[in-house]
Amino acid sequence: MEPMDDPRVLVVDDEPNIRDLVKVALRFHGFAVVTAATGDEALRRVREDRPALIVLDVMLPDLDGFEVCRRLRGNGDETPVIFLTARDTSSDTVTGLALGGDDYVTKPFAVDALVARVRAVLRRARPQGSAGDAADEVLRVADLEVDVAHWTVRRAGAEIELSPTEFRLLTYFMRNPGRVLTRAQLLENVWGWDHSAGSPVVETYVSYLRRKLGPDLIHTQRGVGYALRPPT
């Protein structure tokens, strides 16, 4: 039986060979692993096992992975999700991210690369430090305020609800006010990716923030990146 302090990962895939391959690799790297073969079983496993992260295949025989994620987020469950998809298309990627997914890996995949993604997502999801000033800081730009310790965001005194990924992206912008941040910098520092790989994840999440915060804070520097500046 795995030690209880090992991060628990739920692997959901209807192909037994993929489930077993991922399970063995994750256990070798120190993770506790539970598995499911269907969407319904995945939802039950989440309730019973409370995993720290879910590796979730999109193509399942009953509920697809997108619907599983939609139901989890609809119930207020913010467990990080890495989608496995056989279709490397922008529409699938944007759909997964829009539903609250944290990352995606395209089949066929290298197991070591998947393990690295799991580690990166768990590292991002972990609260940033319990000691020192960083965890207690309150960041302000114009009438926007981010309380890092309590994961709250307010603009002009009104609280704004953000997903964990949206919060991390905004916090990174707030720590670099006025600075033009490249897409590669955002991918590396917010998502933990060291490559761009043509993913629309940055553009997608910037659009989410603009929709929630208003269009006057995050500015596009065409061909370079984005910057958070006070409205003029």
Protein backbone atom coordinates (compact mmCIF):
# COMPACT_ATOMS: atom_id res chain seq x y z
CA MET A 1 0.00 0.00 0.00
CA GLU A 2 1.40 3.43 -1.01
CA PRO A 3 2.24 5.91 1.72
CA MET A 4 -0.57 8.35 2.27
CA ASP A 5 1.70 11.37 1.81
CA ASP A 6 2.53 10.39 -1.79
CA PRO A 7 0.60 12.58 -4.25
CA ARG A 8 -2.38 10.55 -5.47
CA VAL A 9 -3.06 10.60 -9.21
CA LEU A 10 -6.21 9.29 -10.88
CA VAL A 11 -5.52 7.87 -14.37
CA VAL A 12 -8.63 7.60 -16.55
CA ASP A 13 -8.39 5.76 -19.88
CA ASP A 14 -10.46 2.99 -21.45
CA GLU A 15 -7.35 1.36 -22.97
CA PRO A 16 -5.88 -1.07 -20.38
CA ASN A 17 -2.36 -0.92 -21.85
CA ILE A 18 -2.24 2.88 -21.54
CA ARG A 19 -3.67 2.80 -18.01
CA ASP A 20 -1.07 0.24 -16.95
CA LEU A 21 1.81 2.05 -18.65
CA VAL A 22 0.99 5.36 -17.00
CA LYS A 23 0.30 3.71 -13.64
CA VAL A 24 3.65 1.92 -13.58
CA ALA A 25 5.55 5.05 -14.62
CA LEU A 26 3.89 7.26 -12.03
CA ARG A 27 4.38 4.72 -9.24
CA PHE A 28 8.05 4.40 -10.21
CA HIS A 29 8.38 8.17 -9.74
CA GLY A 30 6.80 8.12 -6.29
CA PHE A 31 3.11 8.77 -6.95
CA ALA A 32 0.19 6.82 -5.54
CA VAL A 33 -2.10 5.83 -8.43
CA VAL A 34 -5.73 4.84 -8.80
CA THR A 35 -7.36 4.14 -12.16
CA ALA A 36 -10.71 4.26 -13.93
CA ALA A 37 -11.88 3.09 -17.35
CA THR A 38 -15.05 5.19 -17.79
CA GLY A 39 -16.28 8.70 -17.08
CA ASP A 40 -18.77 7.53 -14.46
CA GLU A 41 -16.09 5.52 -12.68
CA ALA A 42 -13.79 8.54 -12.77
CA LEU A 43 -16.37 10.75 -11.04
CA ARG A 44 -16.86 8.09 -8.38
CA ARG A 45 -13.11 7.73 -7.88
CA VAL A 46 -12.73 11.47 -7.43
CA ARG A 47 -15.36 11.43 -4.68
CA GLU A 48 -13.89 8.40 -2.93
CA ASP A 49 -10.13 8.81 -3.40
CA ARG A 50 -9.71 12.62 -3.53
CA PRO A 51 -6.77 12.60 -5.95
CA ALA A 52 -4.31 15.48 -6.15
CA LEU A 53 -4.46 15.36 -9.97
CA ILE A 54 -6.37 13.60 -12.75
CA VAL A 55 -4.88 12.32 -16.01
CA LEU A 56 -8.04 12.21 -18.12
CA ASP A 57 -8.50 10.70 -21.58
CA VAL A 58 -10.87 12.69 -23.78
CA MET A 59 -12.33 9.69 -25.66
CA LEU A 60 -14.17 7.50 -23.15
CA PRO A 61 -16.98 5.01 -23.81
CA ASP A 62 -19.67 6.80 -21.80
CA LEU A 63 -19.01 10.38 -20.71
CA ASP A 64 -16.13 11.94 -22.60
CA GLY A 65 -13.30 13.58 -20.70
CA PHE A 66 -14.63 17.06 -21.40
CA GLU A 67 -17.97 16.20 -19.80
CA VAL A 68 -16.20 14.68 -16.78
CA CYS A 69 -14.23 17.90 -16.30
CA ARG A 70 -17.37 20.00 -16.85
CA ARG A 71 -19.20 18.12 -14.09
CA LEU A 72 -16.26 18.39 -11.69
CA ARG A 73 -15.93 22.14 -12.19
CA GLY A 74 -19.69 22.54 -11.97
CA ASN A 75 -19.54 20.92 -8.53
CA GLY A 76 -16.78 23.28 -7.43
CA ASP A 77 -14.07 20.61 -7.69
CA GLU A 78 -10.81 22.29 -8.78
CA THR A 79 -8.64 19.13 -8.89
CA PRO A 80 -6.02 19.75 -11.60
CA VAL A 81 -6.72 17.91 -14.88
CA ILE A 82 -4.31 16.89 -17.62
CA PHE A 83 -6.21 15.81 -20.73
CA LEU A 84 -4.97 12.98 -22.94
CA THR A 85 -6.14 13.55 -26.49
CA ALA A 86 -5.55 11.72 -29.75
CA ARG A 87 -6.44 14.85 -31.70
CA ASP A 88 -3.89 17.66 -31.56
CA THR A 89 -6.23 20.41 -32.72
CA SER A 90 -6.68 23.93 -31.46
CA SER A 91 -10.42 23.41 -30.98
CA ASP A 92 -9.87 20.43 -28.66
CA THR A 93 -7.20 22.31 -26.73
CA VAL A 94 -9.32 25.42 -26.29
CA THR A 95 -12.34 23.29 -25.27
CA GLY A 96 -10.31 21.52 -22.59
CA LEU A 97 -8.82 24.74 -21.25
CA ALA A 98 -12.17 26.54 -21.31
CA LEU A 99 -13.65 23.79 -19.15
CA GLY A 100 -10.93 24.27 -16.55
CA GLY A 101 -8.27 21.81 -17.71
CA ASP A 102 -4.71 22.61 -16.66
CA ASP A 103 -2.71 20.95 -19.43
CA TYR A 104 -3.00 18.48 -22.28
CA VAL A 105 -0.82 15.74 -23.76
CA THR A 106 -1.30 14.37 -27.27
CA LYS A 107 -1.25 10.63 -27.97
CA PRO A 108 1.11 8.97 -28.66
CA PHE A 109 3.18 10.46 -25.87
CA ALA A 110 6.49 9.82 -24.14
CA VAL A 111 5.86 8.59 -20.60
CA ASP A 112 8.69 10.69 -19.17
CA ALA A 113 7.13 13.79 -20.73
CA LEU A 114 3.77 12.99 -19.13
CA VAL A 115 5.41 12.48 -15.72
CA ALA A 116 7.13 15.85 -16.12
CA ARG A 117 3.77 17.49 -16.92
CA VAL A 118 2.20 15.87 -13.84
CA ARG A 119 4.98 17.23 -11.64
CA ALA A 120 4.72 20.69 -13.19
CA VAL A 121 0.95 20.91 -12.71
CA LEU A 122 1.15 19.69 -9.10
CA ARG A 123 3.93 22.20 -8.41
CA ARG A 124 1.74 25.01 -9.76
CA ALA A 125 -1.29 23.85 -7.78
CA ARG A 126 0.61 23.76 -4.49
CA PRO A 127 0.15 26.87 -2.31
CA GLN A 128 3.20 29.07 -2.71
CA GLY A 129 4.94 28.91 0.63
CA SER A 130 3.55 29.12 4.13
CA ALA A 131 6.33 31.30 5.53
CA GLY A 132 7.87 34.64 4.65
CA ASP A 133 6.46 37.76 3.12
CA ALA A 134 5.63 36.31 -0.31
CA ALA A 135 2.66 34.31 0.95
CA ASP A 136 1.22 37.38 2.71
CA GLU A 137 1.68 39.93 -0.04
CA VAL A 138 -1.14 42.01 -1.46
CA LEU A 139 -0.51 43.20 -5.02
CA ARG A 140 -2.13 46.37 -6.38
CA VAL A 141 -2.31 47.97 -9.80
CA ALA A 142 -4.76 50.87 -10.14
CA ASP A 143 -8.06 49.65 -8.58
CA LEU A 144 -7.13 45.96 -8.94
CA GLU A 145 -6.01 44.10 -5.81
CA VAL A 146 -4.73 40.53 -5.48
CA ASP A 147 -4.39 38.96 -2.02
CA VAL A 148 -1.92 36.14 -2.61
CA ALA A 149 -2.36 34.47 0.78
CA HIS A 150 -6.14 34.26 0.55
CA TRP A 151 -6.42 33.78 -3.24
CA THR A 152 -8.83 36.67 -3.61
CA VAL A 153 -9.10 39.29 -6.35
CA ARG A 154 -10.98 42.59 -6.15
CA ARG A 155 -11.47 45.40 -8.59
CA ALA A 156 -12.89 48.67 -7.29
CA GLY A 157 -13.80 46.72 -4.15
CA ALA A 158 -15.87 44.08 -5.96
CA GLU A 159 -14.65 40.50 -5.60
CA ILE A 160 -13.90 38.61 -8.82
CA GLU A 161 -13.85 34.81 -8.97
CA LEU A 162 -10.95 33.31 -10.89
CA SER A 163 -9.94 29.74 -11.59
CA PRO A 164 -6.56 28.62 -10.16
CA THR A 165 -4.87 29.04 -13.54
CA GLU A 166 -6.42 32.47 -14.10
CA PHE A 167 -5.24 33.48 -10.61
CA ARG A 168 -1.66 32.34 -11.28
CA LEU A 169 -1.57 34.19 -14.60
CA LEU A 170 -2.93 37.40 -13.08
CA THR A 171 -0.51 37.18 -10.15
CA TYR A 172 2.42 36.88 -12.55
CA PHE A 173 1.21 39.95 -14.43
CA MET A 174 0.74 41.84 -11.15
CA ARG A 175 4.30 41.04 -10.08
CA ASN A 176 5.56 42.49 -13.36
CA PRO A 177 3.45 45.64 -13.84
CA GLY A 178 4.09 47.55 -17.05
CA ARG A 179 6.54 44.93 -18.33
CA VAL A 180 5.85 43.28 -21.68
CA LEU A 181 5.86 39.52 -21.01
CA THR A 182 6.42 37.18 -23.93
CA ARG A 183 4.31 34.14 -24.59
CA ALA A 184 7.32 31.92 -23.79
CA GLN A 185 7.83 33.66 -20.44
CA LEU A 186 4.18 33.19 -19.52
CA LEU A 187 4.19 29.52 -20.53
CA GLU A 188 7.31 28.84 -18.48
CA ASN A 189 6.37 30.81 -15.36
CA VAL A 190 2.63 30.14 -15.18
CA TRP A 191 2.24 26.73 -16.82
CA GLY A 192 5.72 25.33 -16.24
CA TRP A 193 6.27 24.62 -19.94
CA ASP A 194 9.72 25.25 -21.42
CA HIS A 195 8.43 25.35 -24.99
CA SER A 196 5.62 27.05 -26.88
CA ALA A 197 4.55 24.12 -29.12
CA GLY A 198 1.89 26.17 -30.89
CA SER A 199 -0.54 25.92 -27.98
CA PRO A 200 -3.19 28.67 -27.73
CA VAL A 201 -3.24 28.41 -23.93
CA VAL A 202 -1.82 31.89 -23.28
CA GLU A 203 -4.18 33.65 -25.65
CA THR A 204 -7.12 31.68 -24.26
CA TYR A 205 -6.44 32.60 -20.64
CA VAL A 206 -5.65 36.24 -21.40
CA SER A 207 -9.09 36.44 -23.01
CA TYR A 208 -10.65 34.92 -19.87
CA LEU A 209 -8.96 37.54 -17.68
CA ARG A 210 -10.06 40.39 -19.94
CA ARG A 211 -13.62 39.13 -19.80
CA LYS A 212 -13.61 39.05 -16.00
CA LEU A 213 -11.44 42.08 -15.21
CA GLY A 214 -12.38 44.34 -18.10
CA PRO A 215 -10.51 45.01 -21.36
CA ASP A 216 -8.52 48.01 -20.12
CA LEU A 217 -5.79 46.38 -18.00
CA ILE A 218 -4.03 43.72 -20.07
CA HIS A 219 -2.58 45.18 -23.26
CA THR A 220 -1.30 43.31 -26.32
CA GLN A 221 2.11 44.22 -27.70
CA ARG A 222 1.66 42.84 -31.19
CA GLY A 223 4.26 40.26 -32.08
CA VAL A 224 5.82 40.35 -28.60
CA GLY A 225 3.41 39.54 -25.76
CA TYR A 226 1.23 41.16 -23.12
CA ALA A 227 1.59 43.78 -20.40
CA LEU A 228 -0.55 44.75 -17.39
CA ARG A 229 -0.84 48.53 -17.19
CA PRO A 230 -3.19 50.90 -15.35
CA PRO A 231 -5.98 52.23 -17.56
CA THR A 232 -5.32 55.63 -19.07
